[in-house]
């Protein structure tokens, strides 16, 4: 299975939860997590150069308070 890794500054292909990974998709310590929604701006910068963003699931919905 091919992993879809995105570079910082690229436009997201699909909305979802993304986690920061190493250059080849490996785990990193204290990774950033971001939620990307349809129409959002490009991926934010990573904590270190050469890291990528990997989609880990659908976007989390924010609950409405009553």
Protein backbone atom coordinates (compact mmCIF):
# COMPACT_ATOMS: atom_id res chain seq x y z
CA UNK A 1 0.00 0.00 0.00
CA UNK A 2 1.33 3.42 -0.96
CA UNK A 3 1.26 6.08 1.71
CA UNK A 4 0.06 9.50 0.67
CA UNK A 5 2.49 11.95 2.21
CA UNK A 6 2.00 15.67 1.67
CA UNK A 7 4.58 18.43 1.97
CA UNK A 8 4.02 21.61 3.99
CA UNK A 9 2.55 24.29 1.73
CA UNK A 10 0.78 21.81 -0.56
CA UNK A 11 -2.96 22.07 -1.06
CA UNK A 12 -4.78 19.16 0.66
CA UNK A 13 -6.42 16.64 -1.69
CA UNK A 14 -8.88 15.42 0.95
CA UNK A 15 -10.21 16.73 4.26
CA UNK A 16 -9.28 14.81 7.40
CA UNK A 17 -7.01 14.45 10.39
CA UNK A 18 -3.32 14.66 9.51
CA UNK A 19 -0.23 13.85 11.59
CA UNK A 20 3.36 14.96 11.11
CA UNK A 21 5.68 12.13 10.00
CA UNK A 22 9.30 11.75 8.94
CA UNK A 23 10.50 12.17 5.33
CA UNK A 24 9.65 8.56 4.44
CA UNK A 25 6.56 8.29 6.65
CA UNK A 26 8.19 7.11 9.88
CA UNK A 27 7.05 8.16 13.34
CA UNK A 28 8.50 11.26 14.96
CA UNK A 29 8.52 12.31 18.62
CA UNK A 30 5.83 14.84 19.60
CA UNK A 31 4.17 15.01 16.16
CA UNK A 32 1.82 17.88 15.33
CA UNK A 33 -1.78 16.99 14.44
CA UNK A 34 -4.00 19.15 12.28
CA UNK A 35 -7.59 18.96 11.05
CA UNK A 36 -8.02 19.96 7.42
CA UNK A 37 -11.51 20.81 6.16
CA UNK A 38 -12.73 21.17 2.58
CA UNK A 39 -11.46 24.47 1.17
CA UNK A 40 -8.79 25.03 3.86
CA UNK A 41 -5.52 26.70 2.98
CA UNK A 42 -2.31 24.70 2.35
CA UNK A 43 -0.73 22.42 4.94
CA UNK A 44 1.05 24.31 7.75
CA UNK A 45 4.81 24.08 8.34
CA UNK A 46 6.20 21.06 10.18
CA UNK A 47 8.41 21.35 13.25
CA UNK A 48 11.56 20.34 11.34
CA UNK A 49 12.63 20.45 7.67
CA UNK A 50 11.89 17.49 5.36
CA UNK A 51 8.93 16.22 7.39
CA UNK A 52 5.57 15.47 5.77
CA UNK A 53 1.86 15.24 6.61
CA UNK A 54 -0.02 11.89 6.53
CA UNK A 55 -3.82 11.52 6.61
CA UNK A 56 -4.88 9.29 9.52
CA UNK A 57 -8.66 9.54 9.28
CA UNK A 58 -11.74 11.65 8.64
CA UNK A 59 -12.04 15.11 10.20
CA UNK A 60 -13.27 15.25 13.78
CA UNK A 61 -16.56 17.08 14.06
CA UNK A 62 -16.81 19.78 16.69
CA UNK A 63 -19.79 19.20 18.95
CA UNK A 64 -22.45 21.84 19.39
CA UNK A 65 -23.01 23.05 22.94
CA UNK A 66 -26.59 23.32 24.14
